[in-house]
N, C-alpha and C. Protein backbone atom coordinates (compact mmCIF):
# COMPACT_ATOMS: atom_id res chain seq x y z
N GLY A 1 0.81 -1.19 0.00
CA GLY A 1 0.00 0.00 0.00
C GLY A 1 0.86 1.25 0.00
N MET A 2 0.26 2.34 -0.39
CA MET A 2 0.96 3.63 -0.43
C MET A 2 1.08 4.20 0.98
N CYS A 3 2.17 4.92 1.22
CA CYS A 3 2.40 5.63 2.49
C CYS A 3 2.41 4.71 3.70
N VAL A 4 2.91 3.49 3.55
CA VAL A 4 2.99 2.54 4.66
C VAL A 4 4.27 2.80 5.44
N THR A 5 4.18 2.75 6.76
CA THR A 5 5.36 2.86 7.62
C THR A 5 5.64 1.49 8.21
N ILE A 6 6.84 0.96 7.95
CA ILE A 6 7.23 -0.34 8.46
C ILE A 6 8.31 -0.11 9.52
N LEU A 7 8.01 -0.46 10.76
CA LEU A 7 8.91 -0.21 11.86
C LEU A 7 9.97 -1.29 11.99
N TYR A 8 10.99 -1.03 12.79
CA TYR A 8 12.13 -1.89 13.01
C TYR A 8 11.69 -3.27 13.51
N ASN A 9 12.40 -4.32 13.08
CA ASN A 9 12.16 -5.71 13.46
C ASN A 9 10.78 -6.23 13.03
N THR A 10 10.28 -5.73 11.93
CA THR A 10 9.00 -6.19 11.39
C THR A 10 9.27 -7.23 10.31
N LYS A 11 8.45 -8.27 10.29
CA LYS A 11 8.54 -9.31 9.25
C LYS A 11 7.21 -9.40 8.55
N ILE A 12 7.24 -9.27 7.23
CA ILE A 12 6.05 -9.42 6.39
C ILE A 12 6.33 -10.57 5.44
N TYR A 13 5.58 -11.65 5.58
CA TYR A 13 5.86 -12.85 4.80
C TYR A 13 5.19 -12.80 3.42
N ASP A 14 5.60 -13.73 2.55
CA ASP A 14 5.18 -13.78 1.15
C ASP A 14 3.67 -13.75 0.98
N GLY A 15 3.24 -13.05 -0.05
CA GLY A 15 1.85 -13.04 -0.44
C GLY A 15 0.94 -12.14 0.37
N SER A 16 1.49 -11.41 1.34
CA SER A 16 0.67 -10.53 2.17
C SER A 16 0.50 -9.16 1.54
N ILE A 17 -0.60 -8.51 1.89
CA ILE A 17 -0.92 -7.18 1.39
C ILE A 17 -1.07 -6.25 2.58
N ILE A 18 -0.46 -5.08 2.49
CA ILE A 18 -0.57 -4.08 3.56
C ILE A 18 -1.40 -2.91 3.03
N GLY A 19 -2.41 -2.52 3.77
CA GLY A 19 -3.29 -1.43 3.37
C GLY A 19 -2.60 -0.07 3.40
N ALA A 20 -3.09 0.85 2.60
CA ALA A 20 -2.52 2.19 2.49
C ALA A 20 -2.53 2.91 3.85
N CYS A 21 -1.49 3.68 4.09
CA CYS A 21 -1.33 4.52 5.30
C CYS A 21 -1.30 3.71 6.59
N SER A 22 -0.90 2.44 6.53
CA SER A 22 -0.82 1.60 7.72
C SER A 22 0.55 1.74 8.39
N VAL A 23 0.61 1.44 9.68
CA VAL A 23 1.86 1.39 10.42
C VAL A 23 2.04 -0.05 10.87
N VAL A 24 3.10 -0.70 10.37
CA VAL A 24 3.30 -2.13 10.61
C VAL A 24 4.42 -2.34 11.62
N LYS A 25 4.14 -3.12 12.66
CA LYS A 25 5.12 -3.49 13.67
C LYS A 25 4.85 -4.93 14.06
N GLY A 26 5.86 -5.76 14.03
CA GLY A 26 5.70 -7.16 14.42
C GLY A 26 5.73 -8.09 13.23
N ILE A 27 4.93 -9.15 13.29
CA ILE A 27 4.93 -10.19 12.26
C ILE A 27 3.59 -10.23 11.56
N ILE A 28 3.64 -10.19 10.22
CA ILE A 28 2.46 -10.36 9.38
C ILE A 28 2.66 -11.69 8.66
N SER A 29 1.81 -12.68 8.95
CA SER A 29 1.93 -14.02 8.37
C SER A 29 1.76 -13.97 6.85
N ASN A 30 2.07 -15.09 6.20
CA ASN A 30 1.93 -15.16 4.74
C ASN A 30 0.47 -15.15 4.32
N ASN A 31 0.22 -14.63 3.13
CA ASN A 31 -1.10 -14.62 2.50
C ASN A 31 -2.19 -14.02 3.39
N CYS A 32 -1.91 -12.83 3.93
CA CYS A 32 -2.85 -12.10 4.77
C CYS A 32 -3.03 -10.68 4.23
N ILE A 33 -4.12 -10.05 4.62
CA ILE A 33 -4.31 -8.62 4.40
C ILE A 33 -4.24 -7.97 5.77
N ALA A 34 -3.38 -6.96 5.91
CA ALA A 34 -3.25 -6.23 7.16
C ALA A 34 -3.42 -4.74 6.87
N ALA A 35 -4.09 -4.05 7.78
CA ALA A 35 -4.30 -2.61 7.60
C ALA A 35 -4.57 -1.98 8.95
N GLY A 36 -4.37 -0.68 9.01
CA GLY A 36 -4.72 0.07 10.21
C GLY A 36 -3.53 0.74 10.86
N LEU A 37 -3.81 1.35 11.98
CA LEU A 37 -2.80 2.08 12.73
C LEU A 37 -2.97 1.71 14.20
N PRO A 38 -2.28 0.75 14.73
CA PRO A 38 -1.30 -0.12 14.09
C PRO A 38 -1.98 -1.18 13.21
N ALA A 39 -1.22 -1.68 12.25
CA ALA A 39 -1.77 -2.67 11.32
C ALA A 39 -2.10 -3.96 12.06
N ARG A 40 -3.24 -4.54 11.71
CA ARG A 40 -3.62 -5.84 12.24
C ARG A 40 -4.16 -6.67 11.08
N ILE A 41 -4.09 -7.96 11.22
CA ILE A 41 -4.55 -8.86 10.17
C ILE A 41 -6.07 -8.82 10.12
N ILE A 42 -6.60 -8.50 8.94
CA ILE A 42 -8.05 -8.42 8.79
C ILE A 42 -8.61 -9.55 7.94
N ARG A 43 -7.72 -10.26 7.23
CA ARG A 43 -8.17 -11.42 6.43
C ARG A 43 -7.00 -12.36 6.21
N GLU A 44 -7.26 -13.67 6.28
CA GLU A 44 -6.23 -14.68 6.06
C GLU A 44 -6.59 -15.53 4.84
N ASN A 45 -5.63 -16.33 4.40
CA ASN A 45 -5.81 -17.27 3.29
C ASN A 45 -6.23 -16.58 2.00
N ILE A 46 -5.54 -15.51 1.65
CA ILE A 46 -5.81 -14.84 0.38
C ILE A 46 -4.84 -15.35 -0.67
N ALA A 47 -5.16 -15.16 -1.93
CA ALA A 47 -4.28 -15.60 -3.01
C ALA A 47 -4.47 -14.68 -4.21
N TRP A 48 -3.37 -14.40 -4.89
CA TRP A 48 -3.41 -13.64 -6.14
C TRP A 48 -3.65 -14.64 -7.26
N CYS A 49 -4.56 -14.33 -8.16
CA CYS A 49 -4.76 -15.19 -9.32
C CYS A 49 -5.32 -14.37 -10.47
N ARG A 50 -5.32 -14.93 -11.65
CA ARG A 50 -5.82 -14.25 -12.84
C ARG A 50 -7.32 -14.45 -13.04
N ASP A 51 -7.91 -15.37 -12.31
CA ASP A 51 -9.33 -15.67 -12.46
C ASP A 51 -10.16 -14.66 -11.67
N ALA A 52 -10.74 -13.70 -12.35
CA ALA A 52 -11.51 -12.64 -11.70
C ALA A 52 -12.80 -13.16 -11.08
N GLU A 53 -13.25 -14.33 -11.50
CA GLU A 53 -14.50 -14.90 -11.00
C GLU A 53 -14.32 -15.71 -9.72
N ALA A 54 -13.07 -15.99 -9.31
CA ALA A 54 -12.83 -16.80 -8.12
C ALA A 54 -13.24 -16.03 -6.86
N GLU A 55 -14.07 -16.67 -6.05
CA GLU A 55 -14.52 -16.07 -4.80
C GLU A 55 -13.94 -16.76 -3.58
N ASP A 56 -13.31 -17.91 -3.77
CA ASP A 56 -12.76 -18.67 -2.67
C ASP A 56 -11.36 -19.14 -3.06
N ILE A 57 -10.47 -19.27 -2.09
CA ILE A 57 -9.10 -19.68 -2.38
C ILE A 57 -9.05 -21.06 -3.04
N ALA A 58 -10.02 -21.91 -2.77
CA ALA A 58 -10.05 -23.26 -3.35
C ALA A 58 -10.37 -23.24 -4.83
N GLU A 59 -10.87 -22.12 -5.37
CA GLU A 59 -11.23 -22.03 -6.78
C GLU A 59 -10.08 -21.59 -7.69
N VAL A 60 -8.95 -21.19 -7.13
CA VAL A 60 -7.82 -20.74 -7.94
C VAL A 60 -6.93 -21.91 -8.31
N GLU A 61 -6.02 -21.68 -9.24
CA GLU A 61 -5.12 -22.74 -9.66
C GLU A 61 -4.21 -23.16 -8.50
N PRO A 62 -3.87 -24.45 -8.42
CA PRO A 62 -3.12 -24.98 -7.28
C PRO A 62 -1.80 -24.25 -6.98
N GLN A 63 -1.11 -23.73 -7.99
CA GLN A 63 0.17 -23.08 -7.73
C GLN A 63 0.01 -21.76 -6.97
N TYR A 64 -1.20 -21.20 -6.92
CA TYR A 64 -1.42 -19.96 -6.19
C TYR A 64 -1.87 -20.18 -4.75
N ILE A 65 -2.25 -21.41 -4.41
CA ILE A 65 -2.76 -21.68 -3.07
C ILE A 65 -1.60 -21.87 -2.11
N ASN A 66 -1.57 -21.07 -1.06
CA ASN A 66 -0.57 -21.15 0.00
C ASN A 66 -1.25 -20.65 1.26
N TYR A 67 -1.87 -21.54 2.01
CA TYR A 67 -2.64 -21.15 3.17
C TYR A 67 -1.78 -20.44 4.22
N THR A 68 -2.39 -19.58 4.99
CA THR A 68 -1.71 -18.82 6.02
C THR A 68 -1.18 -19.74 7.11
N ILE A 69 0.08 -19.52 7.49
CA ILE A 69 0.72 -20.27 8.57
C ILE A 69 0.98 -19.29 9.71
N SER A 70 0.33 -19.49 10.82
CA SER A 70 0.51 -18.60 11.98
C SER A 70 1.78 -18.98 12.72
N GLU A 71 2.48 -17.95 13.23
CA GLU A 71 3.69 -18.21 14.01
C GLU A 71 3.47 -17.93 15.45
């Protein structure tokens, strides 16, 4: 996202999206959407795909599926 502030010792794992104007501190798991001040995870198990009609992660091609792993 635009105008995001990422603080020291923050980890953002693969496939995650950070909302605009968020302040991120800590760990953001893979394939999550995080936003806010401070940023918090608002959705898990997201995936990028070319199929605009997909409404569920199970409907996308297998190479795009990477479920969220909490630490």
